[in-house]
PDB file of all heavy atoms in Angstrom:
ATOM      1  N   SER A   1     155.705 328.628 265.786  1.00  0.00           N
ATOM      2  CA  SER A   1     156.723 329.660 265.612  1.00  0.00           C
ATOM      3  C   SER A   1     158.091 329.168 266.055  1.00  0.00           C
ATOM      4  O   SER A   1     159.117 329.654 265.564  1.00  0.00           O
ATOM      5  CB  SER A   1     156.339 330.917 266.385  1.00  0.00           C
ATOM      6  OG  SER A   1     156.167 330.609 267.757  1.00  0.00           O
ATOM      7  N   ALA A   2     158.117 328.199 266.951  1.00  0.00           N
ATOM      8  CA  ALA A   2     159.392 327.645 267.420  1.00  0.00           C
ATOM      9  C   ALA A   2     159.890 326.504 266.541  1.00  0.00           C
ATOM     10  O   ALA A   2     160.964 325.963 266.782  1.00  0.00           O
ATOM     11  CB  ALA A   2     159.248 327.152 268.856  1.00  0.00           C
ATOM     12  N   GLY A   3     159.100 326.141 265.540  1.00  0.00           N
ATOM     13  CA  GLY A   3     159.532 325.086 264.625  1.00  0.00           C
ATOM     14  C   GLY A   3     159.001 323.700 264.937  1.00  0.00           C
ATOM     15  O   GLY A   3     159.377 322.724 264.278  1.00  0.00           O
ATOM     16  N   GLY A   4     158.132 323.592 265.926  1.00  0.00           N
ATOM     17  CA  GLY A   4     157.545 322.294 266.237  1.00  0.00           C
ATOM     18  C   GLY A   4     156.579 321.858 265.148  1.00  0.00           C
ATOM     19  O   GLY A   4     155.760 322.656 264.701  1.00  0.00           O
ATOM     20  N   ARG A   5     156.679 320.620 264.717  1.00  0.00           N
ATOM     21  CA  ARG A   5     155.891 320.134 263.582  1.00  0.00           C
ATOM     22  C   ARG A   5     154.984 318.980 263.978  1.00  0.00           C
ATOM     23  O   ARG A   5     155.368 318.139 264.784  1.00  0.00           O
ATOM     24  CB  ARG A   5     156.809 319.668 262.447  1.00  0.00           C
ATOM     25  CG  ARG A   5     157.651 320.767 261.817  1.00  0.00           C
ATOM     26  CD  ARG A   5     158.717 320.189 260.896  1.00  0.00           C
ATOM     27  NE  ARG A   5     159.405 321.200 260.113  1.00  0.00           N
ATOM     28  CZ  ARG A   5     160.441 321.898 260.552  1.00  0.00           C
ATOM     29  NH1 ARG A   5     160.892 321.706 261.792  1.00  0.00           N
ATOM     30  NH2 ARG A   5     161.016 322.788 259.770  1.00  0.00           N
ATOM     31  N   ASN A   6     153.819 318.947 263.358  1.00  0.00           N
ATOM     32  CA  ASN A   6     152.911 317.808 263.495  1.00  0.00           C
ATOM     33  C   ASN A   6     152.411 317.422 262.114  1.00  0.00           C
ATOM     34  O   ASN A   6     152.126 318.291 261.291  1.00  0.00           O
ATOM     35  CB  ASN A   6     151.722 318.158 264.391  1.00  0.00           C
ATOM     36  CG  ASN A   6     152.059 318.006 265.859  1.00  0.00           C
ATOM     37  OD1 ASN A   6     152.340 316.907 266.332  1.00  0.00           O
ATOM     38  ND2 ASN A   6     152.052 319.098 266.581  1.00  0.00           N
ATOM     39  N   TYR A   7     152.309 316.116 261.901  1.00  0.00           N
ATOM     40  CA  TYR A   7     151.859 315.599 260.607  1.00  0.00           C
ATOM     41  C   TYR A   7     150.735 314.593 260.800  1.00  0.00           C
ATOM     42  O   TYR A   7     150.711 313.839 261.778  1.00  0.00           O
ATOM     43  CB  TYR A   7     153.001 314.896 259.869  1.00  0.00           C
ATOM     44  CG  TYR A   7     154.143 315.785 259.467  1.00  0.00           C
ATOM     45  CD1 TYR A   7     155.278 315.889 260.259  1.00  0.00           C
ATOM     46  CD2 TYR A   7     154.104 316.507 258.273  1.00  0.00           C
ATOM     47  CE1 TYR A   7     156.339 316.704 259.892  1.00  0.00           C
ATOM     48  CE2 TYR A   7     155.156 317.318 257.887  1.00  0.00           C
ATOM     49  CZ  TYR A   7     156.270 317.406 258.695  1.00  0.00           C
ATOM     50  OH  TYR A   7     157.313 318.217 258.322  1.00  0.00           O
ATOM     51  N   ALA A   8     149.844 314.549 259.840  1.00  0.00           N
ATOM     52  CA  ALA A   8     148.867 313.467 259.800  1.00  0.00           C
ATOM     53  C   ALA A   8     149.608 312.166 259.522  1.00  0.00           C
ATOM     54  O   ALA A   8     150.611 312.154 258.786  1.00  0.00           O
ATOM     55  CB  ALA A   8     147.841 313.733 258.707  1.00  0.00           C
ATOM     56  N   ASP A   9     149.134 311.083 260.099  1.00  0.00           N
ATOM     57  CA  ASP A   9     149.803 309.793 259.902  1.00  0.00           C
ATOM     58  C   ASP A   9     149.902 309.431 258.424  1.00  0.00           C
ATOM     59  O   ASP A   9     150.877 308.820 257.990  1.00  0.00           O
ATOM     60  CB  ASP A   9     149.041 308.692 260.648  1.00  0.00           C
ATOM     61  CG  ASP A   9     149.207 308.782 262.152  1.00  0.00           C
ATOM     62  OD1 ASP A   9     150.156 309.457 262.616  1.00  0.00           O
ATOM     63  OD2 ASP A   9     148.385 308.191 262.868  1.00  0.00           O
ATOM     64  N   SER A  10     148.909 309.823 257.658  1.00  0.00           N
ATOM     65  CA  SER A  10     148.860 309.445 256.245  1.00  0.00           C
ATOM     66  C   SER A  10     149.936 310.121 255.399  1.00  0.00           C
ATOM     67  O   SER A  10     150.192 309.680 254.272  1.00  0.00           O
ATOM     68  CB  SER A  10     147.484 309.765 255.664  1.00  0.00           C
ATOM     69  OG  SER A  10     147.203 311.150 255.785  1.00  0.00           O
ATOM     70  N   VAL A  11     150.567 311.179 255.921  1.00  0.00           N
ATOM     71  CA  VAL A  11     151.565 311.897 255.116  1.00  0.00           C
ATOM     72  C   VAL A  11     152.960 311.853 255.729  1.00  0.00           C
ATOM     73  O   VAL A  11     153.909 312.349 255.129  1.00  0.00           O
ATOM     74  CB  VAL A  11     151.152 313.368 254.893  1.00  0.00           C
ATOM     75  CG1 VAL A  11     149.746 313.445 254.306  1.00  0.00           C
ATOM     76  CG2 VAL A  11     151.271 314.188 256.157  1.00  0.00           C
ATOM     77  N   LYS A  12     153.095 311.261 256.905  1.00  0.00           N
ATOM     78  CA  LYS A  12     154.405 311.189 257.556  1.00  0.00           C
ATOM     79  C   LYS A  12     155.411 310.483 256.653  1.00  0.00           C
ATOM     80  O   LYS A  12     155.116 309.434 256.084  1.00  0.00           O
ATOM     81  CB  LYS A  12     154.288 310.458 258.894  1.00  0.00           C
ATOM     82  CG  LYS A  12     153.679 311.292 260.008  1.00  0.00           C
ATOM     83  CD  LYS A  12     153.605 310.505 261.311  1.00  0.00           C
ATOM     84  CE  LYS A  12     152.993 311.360 262.417  1.00  0.00           C
ATOM     85  NZ  LYS A  12     152.841 310.586 263.687  1.00  0.00           N
ATOM     86  N   GLY A  13     156.595 311.079 256.562  1.00  0.00           N
ATOM     87  CA  GLY A  13     157.637 310.504 255.724  1.00  0.00           C
ATOM     88  C   GLY A  13     157.561 310.909 254.265  1.00  0.00           C
ATOM     89  O   GLY A  13     158.495 310.637 253.497  1.00  0.00           O
ATOM     90  N   ARG A  14     156.459 311.545 253.874  1.00  0.00           N
ATOM     91  CA  ARG A  14     156.304 311.978 252.479  1.00  0.00           C
ATOM     92  C   ARG A  14     156.197 313.496 252.334  1.00  0.00           C
ATOM     93  O   ARG A  14     156.642 314.055 251.338  1.00  0.00           O
ATOM     94  CB  ARG A  14     155.048 311.330 251.873  1.00  0.00           C
ATOM     95  CG  ARG A  14     155.079 309.815 251.868  1.00  0.00           C
ATOM     96  CD  ARG A  14     153.885 309.247 251.079  1.00  0.00           C
ATOM     97  NE  ARG A  14     152.598 309.613 251.669  1.00  0.00           N
ATOM     98  CZ  ARG A  14     151.657 310.305 251.030  1.00  0.00           C
ATOM     99  NH1 ARG A  14     151.862 310.712 249.782  1.00  0.00           N
ATOM    100  NH2 ARG A  14     150.491 310.579 251.617  1.00  0.00           N
ATOM    101  N   PHE A  15     155.570 314.139 253.307  1.00  0.00           N
ATOM    102  CA  PHE A  15     155.378 315.590 253.270  1.00  0.00           C
ATOM    103  C   PHE A  15     156.282 316.255 254.298  1.00  0.00           C
ATOM    104  O   PHE A  15     156.536 315.690 255.376  1.00  0.00           O
ATOM    105  CB  PHE A  15     153.933 315.949 253.590  1.00  0.00           C
ATOM    106  CG  PHE A  15     152.911 315.558 252.552  1.00  0.00           C
ATOM    107  CD1 PHE A  15     153.243 314.736 251.478  1.00  0.00           C
ATOM    108  CD2 PHE A  15     151.619 316.024 252.642  1.00  0.00           C
ATOM    109  CE1 PHE A  15     152.301 314.378 250.525  1.00  0.00           C
ATOM    110  CE2 PHE A  15     150.661 315.689 251.705  1.00  0.00           C
ATOM    111  CZ  PHE A  15     151.008 314.858 250.659  1.00  0.00           C
ATOM    112  N   THR A  16     156.723 317.468 253.971  1.00  0.00           N
ATOM    113  CA  THR A  16     157.542 318.250 254.891  1.00  0.00           C
ATOM    114  C   THR A  16     157.025 319.676 254.940  1.00  0.00           C
ATOM    115  O   THR A  16     156.906 320.328 253.897  1.00  0.00           O
ATOM    116  CB  THR A  16     159.012 318.263 254.455  1.00  0.00           C
ATOM    117  OG1 THR A  16     159.502 316.912 254.365  1.00  0.00           O
ATOM    118  CG2 THR A  16     159.851 319.028 255.467  1.00  0.00           C
ATOM    119  N   ILE A  17     156.718 320.144 256.139  1.00  0.00           N
ATOM    120  CA  ILE A  17     156.271 321.520 256.313  1.00  0.00           C
ATOM    121  C   ILE A  17     157.441 322.361 256.810  1.00  0.00           C
ATOM    122  O   ILE A  17     158.261 321.899 257.616  1.00  0.00           O
ATOM    123  CB  ILE A  17     155.067 321.609 257.279  1.00  0.00           C
ATOM    124  CG1 ILE A  17     154.461 323.011 257.250  1.00  0.00           C
ATOM    125  CG2 ILE A  17     155.455 321.190 258.689  1.00  0.00           C
ATOM    126  CD1 ILE A  17     153.130 323.117 257.986  1.00  0.00           C
ATOM    127  N   SER A  18     157.520 323.594 256.315  1.00  0.00           N
ATOM    128  CA  SER A  18     158.556 324.519 256.766  1.00  0.00           C
ATOM    129  C   SER A  18     157.989 325.933 256.706  1.00  0.00           C
ATOM    130  O   SER A  18     156.942 326.163 256.096  1.00  0.00           O
ATOM    131  CB  SER A  18     159.807 324.403 255.902  1.00  0.00           C
ATOM    132  OG  SER A  18     159.518 324.709 254.540  1.00  0.00           O
ATOM    133  N   ARG A  19     158.670 326.857 257.339  1.00  0.00           N
ATOM    134  CA  ARG A  19     158.210 328.235 257.323  1.00  0.00           C
ATOM    135  C   ARG A  19     159.391 329.174 257.308  1.00  0.00           C
ATOM    136  O   ARG A  19     160.468 328.861 257.825  1.00  0.00           O
ATOM    137  CB  ARG A  19     157.288 328.518 258.513  1.00  0.00           C
ATOM    138  CG  ARG A  19     157.936 328.407 259.876  1.00  0.00           C
ATOM    139  CD  ARG A  19     156.895 328.492 261.001  1.00  0.00           C
ATOM    140  NE  ARG A  19     156.488 329.860 261.277  1.00  0.00           N
ATOM    141  CZ  ARG A  19     155.549 330.175 262.161  1.00  0.00           C
ATOM    142  NH1 ARG A  19     154.912 329.215 262.828  1.00  0.00           N
ATOM    143  NH2 ARG A  19     155.242 331.440 262.385  1.00  0.00           N
ATOM    144  N   ASP A  20     159.158 330.345 256.722  1.00  0.00           N
ATOM    145  CA  ASP A  20     160.127 331.424 256.717  1.00  0.00           C
ATOM    146  C   ASP A  20     159.493 332.573 257.489  1.00  0.00           C
ATOM    147  O   ASP A  20     158.606 333.263 256.969  1.00  0.00           O
ATOM    148  CB  ASP A  20     160.440 331.830 255.274  1.00  0.00           C
ATOM    149  CG  ASP A  20     161.527 332.889 255.193  1.00  0.00           C
ATOM    150  OD1 ASP A  20     161.741 333.623 256.182  1.00  0.00           O
ATOM    151  OD2 ASP A  20     162.163 332.990 254.134  1.00  0.00           O
ATOM    152  N   ASN A  21     159.927 332.754 258.717  1.00  0.00           N
ATOM    153  CA  ASN A  21     159.314 333.773 259.571  1.00  0.00           C
ATOM    154  C   ASN A  21     159.587 335.194 259.062  1.00  0.00           C
ATOM    155  O   ASN A  21     158.807 336.102 259.337  1.00  0.00           O
ATOM    156  CB  ASN A  21     159.802 333.629 261.006  1.00  0.00           C
ATOM    157  CG  ASN A  21     159.268 332.364 261.666  1.00  0.00           C
ATOM    158  OD1 ASN A  21     158.183 331.893 261.352  1.00  0.00           O
ATOM    159  ND2 ASN A  21     160.044 331.801 262.586  1.00  0.00           N
ATOM    160  N   THR A  22     160.667 335.386 258.346  1.00  0.00           N
ATOM    161  CA  THR A  22     160.982 336.720 257.829  1.00  0.00           C
ATOM    162  C   THR A  22     160.024 337.116 256.704  1.00  0.00           C
ATOM    163  O   THR A  22     159.841 338.297 256.429  1.00  0.00           O
ATOM    164  CB  THR A  22     162.420 336.796 257.315  1.00  0.00           C
ATOM    165  OG1 THR A  22     162.567 335.920 256.191  1.00  0.00           O
ATOM    166  CG2 THR A  22     163.405 336.382 258.398  1.00  0.00           C
ATOM    167  N   LYS A  23     159.444 336.112 256.056  1.00  0.00           N
ATOM    168  CA  LYS A  23     158.521 336.364 254.950  1.00  0.00           C
ATOM    169  C   LYS A  23     157.082 336.010 255.312  1.00  0.00           C
ATOM    170  O   LYS A  23     156.189 336.115 254.467  1.00  0.00           O
ATOM    171  CB  LYS A  23     158.940 335.551 253.720  1.00  0.00           C
ATOM    172  CG  LYS A  23     160.307 335.914 253.169  1.00  0.00           C
ATOM    173  CD  LYS A  23     160.651 335.064 251.953  1.00  0.00           C
ATOM    174  CE  LYS A  23     162.005 335.430 251.398  1.00  0.00           C
ATOM    175  NZ  LYS A  23     162.365 334.579 250.221  1.00  0.00           N
ATOM    176  N   ASN A  24     156.848 335.558 256.542  1.00  0.00           N
ATOM    177  CA  ASN A  24     155.507 335.111 256.959  1.00  0.00           C
ATOM    178  C   ASN A  24     154.942 334.105 255.959  1.00  0.00           C
ATOM    179  O   ASN A  24     153.776 334.195 255.549  1.00  0.00           O
ATOM    180  CB  ASN A  24     154.558 336.304 257.117  1.00  0.00           C
ATOM    181  CG  ASN A  24     154.933 337.179 258.290  1.00  0.00           C
ATOM    182  OD1 ASN A  24     155.427 336.710 259.302  1.00  0.00           O
ATOM    183  ND2 ASN A  24     154.708 338.473 258.130  1.00  0.00           N
ATOM    184  N   THR A  25     155.768 333.165 255.579  1.00  0.00           N
ATOM    185  CA  THR A  25     155.399 332.205 254.545  1.00  0.00           C
ATOM    186  C   THR A  25     155.578 330.781 255.062  1.00  0.00           C
ATOM    187  O   THR A  25     156.560 330.472 255.737  1.00  0.00           O
ATOM    188  CB  THR A  25     156.243 332.407 253.282  1.00  0.00           C
ATOM    189  OG1 THR A  25     156.003 333.724 252.773  1.00  0.00           O
ATOM    190  CG2 THR A  25     155.872 331.395 252.201  1.00  0.00           C
ATOM    191  N   VAL A  26     154.623 329.933 254.712  1.00  0.00           N
ATOM    192  CA  VAL A  26     154.705 328.519 255.059  1.00  0.00           C
ATOM    193  C   VAL A  26     154.697 327.699 253.778  1.00  0.00           C
ATOM    194  O   VAL A  26     154.039 328.069 252.796  1.00  0.00           O
ATOM    195  CB  VAL A  26     153.541 328.102 255.983  1.00  0.00           C
ATOM    196  CG1 VAL A  26     152.179 328.283 255.315  1.00  0.00           C
ATOM    197  CG2 VAL A  26     153.711 326.678 256.494  1.00  0.00           C
ATOM    198  N   TYR A  27     155.448 326.618 253.786  1.00  0.00           N
ATOM    199  CA  TYR A  27     155.593 325.754 252.612  1.00  0.00           C
ATOM    200  C   TYR A  27     155.177 324.321 252.974  1.00  0.00           C
ATOM    201  O   TYR A  27     155.287 323.900 254.123  1.00  0.00           O
ATOM    202  CB  TYR A  27     157.043 325.736 252.133  1.00  0.00           C
ATOM    203  CG  TYR A  27     157.629 327.101 251.872  1.00  0.00           C
ATOM    204  CD1 TYR A  27     158.372 327.752 252.856  1.00  0.00           C
ATOM    205  CD2 TYR A  27     157.437 327.743 250.653  1.00  0.00           C
ATOM    206  CE1 TYR A  27     158.905 329.008 252.634  1.00  0.00           C
ATOM    207  CE2 TYR A  27     157.974 328.998 250.421  1.00  0.00           C
ATOM    208  CZ  TYR A  27     158.710 329.627 251.417  1.00  0.00           C
ATOM    209  OH  TYR A  27     159.240 330.870 251.188  1.00  0.00           O
ATOM    210  N   LEU A  28     154.745 323.607 251.966  1.00  0.00           N
ATOM    211  CA  LEU A  28     154.471 322.186 252.129  1.00  0.00           C
ATOM    212  C   LEU A  28     155.091 321.464 250.938  1.00  0.00           C
ATOM    213  O   LEU A  28     154.593 321.580 249.811  1.00  0.00           O
ATOM    214  CB  LEU A  28     152.972 321.893 252.209  1.00  0.00           C
ATOM    215  CG  LEU A  28     152.630 320.434 252.510  1.00  0.00           C
ATOM    216  CD1 LEU A  28     153.064 320.070 253.939  1.00  0.00           C
ATOM    217  CD2 LEU A  28     151.129 320.174 252.346  1.00  0.00           C
ATOM    218  N   GLN A  29     156.172 320.752 251.201  1.00  0.00           N
ATOM    219  CA  GLN A  29     156.803 319.931 250.178  1.00  0.00           C
ATOM    220  C   GLN A  29     156.148 318.559 250.213  1.00  0.00           C
ATOM    221  O   GLN A  29     156.166 317.877 251.244  1.00  0.00           O
ATOM    222  CB  GLN A  29     158.304 319.791 250.446  1.00  0.00           C
ATOM    223  CG  GLN A  29     159.040 318.901 249.466  1.00  0.00           C
ATOM    224  CD  GLN A  29     159.053 319.465 248.059  1.00  0.00           C
ATOM    225  OE1 GLN A  29     159.234 320.662 247.854  1.00  0.00           O
ATOM    226  NE2 GLN A  29     158.864 318.595 247.061  1.00  0.00           N
ATOM    227  N   MET A  30     155.550 318.182 249.089  1.00  0.00           N
ATOM    228  CA  MET A  30     154.825 316.914 249.020  1.00  0.00           C
ATOM    229  C   MET A  30     155.535 315.995 248.032  1.00  0.00           C
ATOM    230  O   MET A  30     155.606 316.299 246.836  1.00  0.00           O
ATOM    231  CB  MET A  30     153.384 317.176 248.577  1.00  0.00           C
ATOM    232  CG  MET A  30     152.627 318.147 249.466  1.00  0.00           C
ATOM    233  SD  MET A  30     150.886 318.324 249.046  1.00  0.00           S
ATOM    234  CE  MET A  30     151.022 319.114 247.447  1.00  0.00           C
ATOM    235  N   ASP A  31     156.063 314.911 248.532  1.00  0.00           N
ATOM    236  CA  ASP A  31     156.759 313.924 247.715  1.00  0.00           C
ATOM    237  C   ASP A  31     155.996 312.602 247.741  1.00  0.00           C
ATOM    238  O   ASP A  31     155.157 312.366 248.594  1.00  0.00           O
ATOM    239  CB  ASP A  31     158.177 313.725 248.245  1.00  0.00           C
ATOM    240  CG  ASP A  31     159.005 314.997 248.184  1.00  0.00           C
ATOM    241  OD1 ASP A  31     158.915 315.726 247.181  1.00  0.00           O
ATOM    242  OD2 ASP A  31     159.753 315.260 249.154  1.00  0.00           O
ATOM    243  N   SER A  32     156.339 311.740 246.799  1.00  0.00           N
ATOM    244  CA  SER A  32     155.703 310.418 246.710  1.00  0.00           C
ATOM    245  C   SER A  32     154.188 310.530 246.776  1.00  0.00           C
ATOM    246  O   SER A  32     153.522 309.800 247.526  1.00  0.00           O
ATOM    247  CB  SER A  32     156.222 309.504 247.830  1.00  0.00           C
ATOM    248  OG  SER A  32     157.630 309.374 247.768  1.00  0.00           O
ATOM    249  N   LEU A  33     153.657 311.430 246.000  1.00  0.00           N
ATOM    250  CA  LEU A  33     152.219 311.677 246.052  1.00  0.00           C
ATOM    251  C   LEU A  33     151.417 310.475 245.585  1.00  0.00           C
ATOM    252  O   LEU A  33     151.833 309.730 244.682  1.00  0.00           O
ATOM    253  CB  LEU A  33     151.882 312.903 245.201  1.00  0.00           C
ATOM    254  CG  LEU A  33     152.207 314.244 245.888  1.00  0.00           C
ATOM    255  CD1 LEU A  33     152.312 315.364 244.875  1.00  0.00           C
ATOM    256  CD2 LEU A  33     151.141 314.561 246.931  1.00  0.00           C
TER     257      LEU A  33
END
């Protein structure tokens, strides 16, 4: 909830997680798949 992020080593630098607390929604942007 404070914005702290953790990633699996296999996706670091390629995936980005974000959230919109007003919408209770989480996103996963996946690049260089």
